[in-house]
Structure formats: C-alpha cells, structure tokens
Amino acid sequence: MAREASLWSWLNNARDDLDDTLHMGRVENLVEGGWPDVEGCLCGECFTVELKSKGRPRRESTRILAPGDIRPGQVPWLERRWRAGGAASMLIQVGSGHAARRYLVPGNLACMVAGAAEGELLSMSVIDPRESAVGVVRACAGIRGRP
C-alpha cells in the first residue's frame, strides 16, 4: 500500500500545474467493490484510475502483477465503465524513484494486466512510460470507451 500511496502523491502533483482546471481525489469506497482509487475531472472530462505499483523484477520476462494483486471486481468495474463510454484506466508503476516507469492501460484492456511482463504493459499503454504527472492526467481525461 505504501507504493500505491507514493504513486498517488506523484500523480497528485499535477494539481500544481493544472490549477482550477483539475478536480481530483482519492476514493475509498467500502460499499461498491472494484471502484477505482482516483476520480477526477479535467476541463469538464471526468475520469477514473485504478493505481497499482510494484517493484521492478530482476528479469524482463517476469510478470509484474499476479492475479492476486488485483481485487475481485476491479477489472469488471473498469470494463463496464469503458463499455458505457467512460474514461477508465489503470495506472501501473514499475520500480521507484528516477527508475520508475508508468503505464496507463485503458479499461478495455484491464483483463490483460494480470500476468503481463513490463514489455507487454508497454504495448498496452497509451503514454510514454516517462510521462509527467500532468501528461498522465491529460491522458486519463482523454481516454474514452466506445458505447
């Protein structure tokens, strides 16, 4: 959980540059299982993001997230929101500090994240893994499902 809190802190830095155009916060929903960690609105575009953060494995072929790293209900929630035309995604950080890489995976691909190696996350991501927090937030708001 500490790594996820660190990822949230990094993402939340986007507020400094985006000022009043961004309203974003952490969500702790104990009622509806699967609700993503972050809900936000940028220039009128609402979005949700599930945060995941893991250390970098020694081998490139090692999977980043095991099925147990994703709670039941998280993938179905993202897929349902995506199908309804909403901006839903999963932000996965691999590594920490300056070596951290972040992958933004659209909700319709969330089912492919568990068991994926870092190269596979790269192929699913809609951002460069070194994108700034502002760029990630803009991408989150721009991701839309297909109703």
C-alpha atoms as a PDB file:
ATOM      1  CA  MET A   1       0.000   0.000   0.000  1.00  0.00           C
ATOM      2  CA  ALA A   2       2.924   2.377   0.629  1.00  0.00           C
ATOM      3  CA  ARG A   3       3.933   2.209  -3.025  1.00  0.00           C
ATOM      4  CA  GLU A   4       0.388   2.969  -4.152  1.00  0.00           C
ATOM      5  CA  ALA A   5       0.280   5.969  -1.796  1.00  0.00           C
ATOM      6  CA  SER A   6       3.543   7.162  -3.329  1.00  0.00           C
ATOM      7  CA  LEU A   7       2.084   6.803  -6.835  1.00  0.00           C
ATOM      8  CA  TRP A   8      -0.971   8.820  -5.754  1.00  0.00           C
ATOM      9  CA  SER A   9       1.297  11.518  -4.319  1.00  0.00           C
ATOM     10  CA  TRP A  10       3.216  11.681  -7.615  1.00  0.00           C
ATOM     11  CA  LEU A  11       0.016  11.875  -9.682  1.00  0.00           C
ATOM     12  CA  ASN A  12      -1.476  14.484  -7.358  1.00  0.00           C
ATOM     13  CA  ASN A  13       1.433  16.809  -8.210  1.00  0.00           C
ATOM     14  CA  ALA A  14      -0.412  17.550 -11.459  1.00  0.00           C
ATOM     15  CA  ARG A  15      -2.651  19.895  -9.450  1.00  0.00           C
ATOM     16  CA  ASP A  16       0.228  22.364  -9.151  1.00  0.00           C
ATOM     17  CA  ASP A  17       0.302  22.949 -12.916  1.00  0.00           C
ATOM     18  CA  LEU A  18      -3.340  22.390 -13.812  1.00  0.00           C
ATOM     19  CA  ASP A  19      -4.801  24.661 -11.101  1.00  0.00           C
ATOM     20  CA  ASP A  20      -8.592  25.056 -11.231  1.00  0.00           C
ATOM     21  CA  THR A  21      -8.965  23.016 -14.419  1.00  0.00           C
ATOM     22  CA  LEU A  22      -8.366  19.816 -12.400  1.00  0.00           C
ATOM     23  CA  HIS A  23     -10.517  18.428  -9.605  1.00  0.00           C
ATOM     24  CA  MET A  24      -9.161  15.061  -8.477  1.00  0.00           C
ATOM     25  CA  GLY A  25      -9.187  12.962  -5.335  1.00  0.00           C
ATOM     26  CA  ARG A  26      -8.649   9.541  -3.815  1.00  0.00           C
ATOM     27  CA  VAL A  27     -11.686   7.328  -3.417  1.00  0.00           C
ATOM     28  CA  GLU A  28     -12.101   4.946  -0.503  1.00  0.00           C
ATOM     29  CA  ASN A  29     -15.317   3.105  -1.346  1.00  0.00           C
ATOM     30  CA  LEU A  30     -16.113   0.293   1.065  1.00  0.00           C
ATOM     31  CA  VAL A  31     -19.627  -0.171  -0.335  1.00  0.00           C
ATOM     32  CA  GLU A  32     -19.063  -0.888  -4.025  1.00  0.00           C
ATOM     33  CA  GLY A  33     -16.238  -3.337  -4.650  1.00  0.00           C
ATOM     34  CA  GLY A  34     -13.947  -2.570  -7.533  1.00  0.00           C
ATOM     35  CA  TRP A  35     -14.321   1.218  -7.523  1.00  0.00           C
ATOM     36  CA  PRO A  36     -11.017   2.761  -8.755  1.00  0.00           C
ATOM     37  CA  ASP A  37      -8.628   4.617  -6.452  1.00  0.00           C
ATOM     38  CA  VAL A  38      -8.841   8.008  -8.167  1.00  0.00           C
ATOM     39  CA  GLU A  39     -11.736  10.020  -9.542  1.00  0.00           C
ATOM     40  CA  GLY A  40     -11.138  13.272 -11.346  1.00  0.00           C
ATOM     41  CA  CYS A  41     -12.336  15.866 -13.791  1.00  0.00           C
ATOM     42  CA  LEU A  42     -10.071  17.874 -16.095  1.00  0.00           C
ATOM     43  CA  CYS A  43     -11.612  20.695 -18.126  1.00  0.00           C
ATOM     44  CA  GLY A  44     -15.031  19.009 -17.973  1.00  0.00           C
ATOM     45  CA  GLU A  45     -13.767  15.497 -18.812  1.00  0.00           C
ATOM     46  CA  CYS A  46     -14.368  13.051 -15.949  1.00  0.00           C
ATOM     47  CA  PHE A  47     -12.139  10.016 -15.420  1.00  0.00           C
ATOM     48  CA  THR A  48     -11.345   7.191 -13.013  1.00  0.00           C
ATOM     49  CA  VAL A  49      -7.999   5.480 -12.457  1.00  0.00           C
ATOM     50  CA  GLU A  50      -7.015   2.321 -10.607  1.00  0.00           C
ATOM     51  CA  LEU A  51      -3.481   2.631  -9.186  1.00  0.00           C
ATOM     52  CA  LYS A  52      -1.011  -0.259  -8.967  1.00  0.00           C
ATOM     53  CA  SER A  53       2.650  -0.060  -8.012  1.00  0.00           C
ATOM     54  CA  LYS A  54       5.230  -2.840  -7.929  1.00  0.00           C
ATOM     55  CA  GLY A  55       8.987  -3.150  -7.663  1.00  0.00           C
ATOM     56  CA  ARG A  56      10.944  -3.905 -10.804  1.00  0.00           C
ATOM     57  CA  PRO A  57      11.654  -7.638 -11.145  1.00  0.00           C
ATOM     58  CA  ARG A  58      15.159  -8.891 -11.922  1.00  0.00           C
ATOM     59  CA  ARG A  59      14.150 -10.472 -15.245  1.00  0.00           C
ATOM     60  CA  GLU A  60      12.284  -8.685 -18.025  1.00  0.00           C
ATOM     61  CA  SER A  61      10.065 -11.714 -18.587  1.00  0.00           C
ATOM     62  CA  THR A  62       8.743 -11.753 -15.003  1.00  0.00           C
ATOM     63  CA  ARG A  63       5.101 -10.775 -14.691  1.00  0.00           C
ATOM     64  CA  ILE A  64       4.519  -7.511 -12.884  1.00  0.00           C
ATOM     65  CA  LEU A  65       1.085  -8.104 -11.342  1.00  0.00           C
ATOM     66  CA  ALA A  66      -0.076 -11.519 -10.227  1.00  0.00           C
ATOM     67  CA  PRO A  67      -3.820 -12.230 -10.307  1.00  0.00           C
ATOM     68  CA  GLY A  68      -3.904 -11.738  -6.515  1.00  0.00           C
ATOM     69  CA  ASP A  69      -2.649  -8.152  -6.899  1.00  0.00           C
ATOM     70  CA  ILE A  70      -5.954  -7.191  -8.493  1.00  0.00           C
ATOM     71  CA  ARG A  71      -9.016  -7.396  -6.237  1.00  0.00           C
ATOM     72  CA  PRO A  72     -12.156  -9.125  -7.480  1.00  0.00           C
ATOM     73  CA  GLY A  73     -14.403  -6.556  -9.061  1.00  0.00           C
ATOM     74  CA  GLN A  74     -11.683  -4.128 -10.192  1.00  0.00           C
ATOM     75  CA  VAL A  75     -11.338  -5.397 -13.759  1.00  0.00           C
ATOM     76  CA  PRO A  76     -15.108  -5.842 -14.306  1.00  0.00           C
ATOM     77  CA  TRP A  77     -15.703  -2.307 -12.979  1.00  0.00           C
ATOM     78  CA  LEU A  78     -13.180  -0.779 -15.387  1.00  0.00           C
ATOM     79  CA  GLU A  79     -14.556  -2.805 -18.305  1.00  0.00           C
ATOM     80  CA  ARG A  80     -18.177  -1.784 -17.539  1.00  0.00           C
ATOM     81  CA  ARG A  81     -17.255   1.898 -17.278  1.00  0.00           C
ATOM     82  CA  TRP A  82     -15.299   1.654 -20.540  1.00  0.00           C
ATOM     83  CA  ARG A  83     -18.200  -0.003 -22.372  1.00  0.00           C
ATOM     84  CA  ALA A  84     -20.500   2.765 -21.109  1.00  0.00           C
ATOM     85  CA  GLY A  85     -18.229   5.324 -22.779  1.00  0.00           C
ATOM     86  CA  GLY A  86     -16.432   6.472 -19.636  1.00  0.00           C
ATOM     87  CA  ALA A  87     -12.783   7.324 -19.219  1.00  0.00           C
ATOM     88  CA  ALA A  88     -11.483   4.448 -17.083  1.00  0.00           C
ATOM     89  CA  SER A  89      -7.925   3.195 -16.847  1.00  0.00           C
ATOM     90  CA  MET A  90      -5.289   1.507 -14.741  1.00  0.00           C
ATOM     91  CA  LEU A  91      -2.009   3.308 -13.957  1.00  0.00           C
ATOM     92  CA  ILE A  92       0.751   0.821 -13.180  1.00  0.00           C
ATOM     93  CA  GLN A  93       4.091   1.973 -11.824  1.00  0.00           C
ATOM     94  CA  VAL A  94       7.053  -0.383 -12.074  1.00  0.00           C
ATOM     95  CA  GLY A  95      10.100   0.498  -9.986  1.00  0.00           C
ATOM     96  CA  SER A  96      10.631   3.603  -7.902  1.00  0.00           C
ATOM     97  CA  GLY A  97      12.401   6.938  -7.879  1.00  0.00           C
ATOM     98  CA  HIS A  98      14.059   8.061 -11.108  1.00  0.00           C
ATOM     99  CA  ALA A  99      13.930   4.498 -12.434  1.00  0.00           C
ATOM    100  CA  ALA A 100      10.120   4.341 -12.129  1.00  0.00           C
ATOM    101  CA  ARG A 101       8.152   3.722 -15.305  1.00  0.00           C
ATOM    102  CA  ARG A 102       4.409   4.228 -15.519  1.00  0.00           C
ATOM    103  CA  TYR A 103       1.981   2.540 -17.872  1.00  0.00           C
ATOM    104  CA  LEU A 104      -1.570   3.794 -18.464  1.00  0.00           C
ATOM    105  CA  VAL A 105      -3.752   0.909 -19.622  1.00  0.00           C
ATOM    106  CA  PRO A 106      -7.286   1.654 -20.909  1.00  0.00           C
ATOM    107  CA  GLY A 107     -10.161  -0.042 -19.090  1.00  0.00           C
ATOM    108  CA  ASN A 108     -10.964  -2.333 -22.010  1.00  0.00           C
ATOM    109  CA  LEU A 109      -7.506  -3.931 -21.637  1.00  0.00           C
ATOM    110  CA  ALA A 110      -7.572  -4.263 -17.834  1.00  0.00           C
ATOM    111  CA  CYS A 111      -8.235  -8.004 -18.106  1.00  0.00           C
ATOM    112  CA  MET A 112      -4.808  -8.431 -19.739  1.00  0.00           C
ATOM    113  CA  VAL A 113      -2.775  -6.722 -16.993  1.00  0.00           C
ATOM    114  CA  ALA A 114      -2.501  -9.599 -14.507  1.00  0.00           C
ATOM    115  CA  GLY A 115       0.324 -11.833 -15.642  1.00  0.00           C
ATOM    116  CA  ALA A 116       1.794  -9.285 -18.071  1.00  0.00           C
ATOM    117  CA  ALA A 117       5.534  -8.585 -18.154  1.00  0.00           C
ATOM    118  CA  GLU A 118       6.754  -4.994 -18.404  1.00  0.00           C
ATOM    119  CA  GLY A 119       7.171  -5.163 -22.189  1.00  0.00           C
ATOM    120  CA  GLU A 120       3.536  -6.212 -22.516  1.00  0.00           C
ATOM    121  CA  LEU A 121       2.439  -3.322 -20.293  1.00  0.00           C
ATOM    122  CA  LEU A 122       4.377  -1.009 -22.588  1.00  0.00           C
ATOM    123  CA  SER A 123       2.497  -2.322 -25.619  1.00  0.00           C
ATOM    124  CA  MET A 124      -0.881  -1.748 -23.880  1.00  0.00           C
ATOM    125  CA  SER A 125      -0.027   1.702 -22.509  1.00  0.00           C
ATOM    126  CA  VAL A 126      -1.328   4.888 -24.115  1.00  0.00           C
ATOM    127  CA  ILE A 127       1.502   7.005 -22.665  1.00  0.00           C
ATOM    128  CA  ASP A 128       5.285   7.049 -22.726  1.00  0.00           C
ATOM    129  CA  PRO A 129       6.483   5.348 -19.506  1.00  0.00           C
ATOM    130  CA  ARG A 130       8.383   8.515 -18.531  1.00  0.00           C
ATOM    131  CA  GLU A 131       5.402  10.860 -18.975  1.00  0.00           C
ATOM    132  CA  SER A 132       4.926  13.629 -16.412  1.00  0.00           C
ATOM    133  CA  ALA A 133       2.055  13.625 -13.918  1.00  0.00           C
ATOM    134  CA  VAL A 134       0.354  16.376 -15.933  1.00  0.00           C
ATOM    135  CA  GLY A 135       0.639  14.294 -19.107  1.00  0.00           C
ATOM    136  CA  VAL A 136      -0.778  11.253 -17.338  1.00  0.00           C
ATOM    137  CA  VAL A 137      -3.780  13.215 -16.040  1.00  0.00           C
ATOM    138  CA  ARG A 138      -4.414  14.649 -19.508  1.00  0.00           C
ATOM    139  CA  ALA A 139      -4.262  11.146 -20.986  1.00  0.00           C
ATOM    140  CA  CYS A 140      -6.621   9.830 -18.283  1.00  0.00           C
ATOM    141  CA  ALA A 141      -9.178  12.502 -19.151  1.00  0.00           C
ATOM    142  CA  GLY A 142      -8.788  11.805 -22.863  1.00  0.00           C
ATOM    143  CA  ILE A 143      -9.351   8.036 -22.686  1.00  0.00           C
ATOM    144  CA  ARG A 144     -12.897   7.184 -23.682  1.00  0.00           C
ATOM    145  CA  GLY A 145     -14.679   3.912 -24.097  1.00  0.00           C
ATOM    146  CA  ARG A 146     -16.853   3.039 -27.027  1.00  0.00           C
ATOM    147  CA  PRO A 147     -20.552   2.958 -26.098  1.00  0.00           C
END
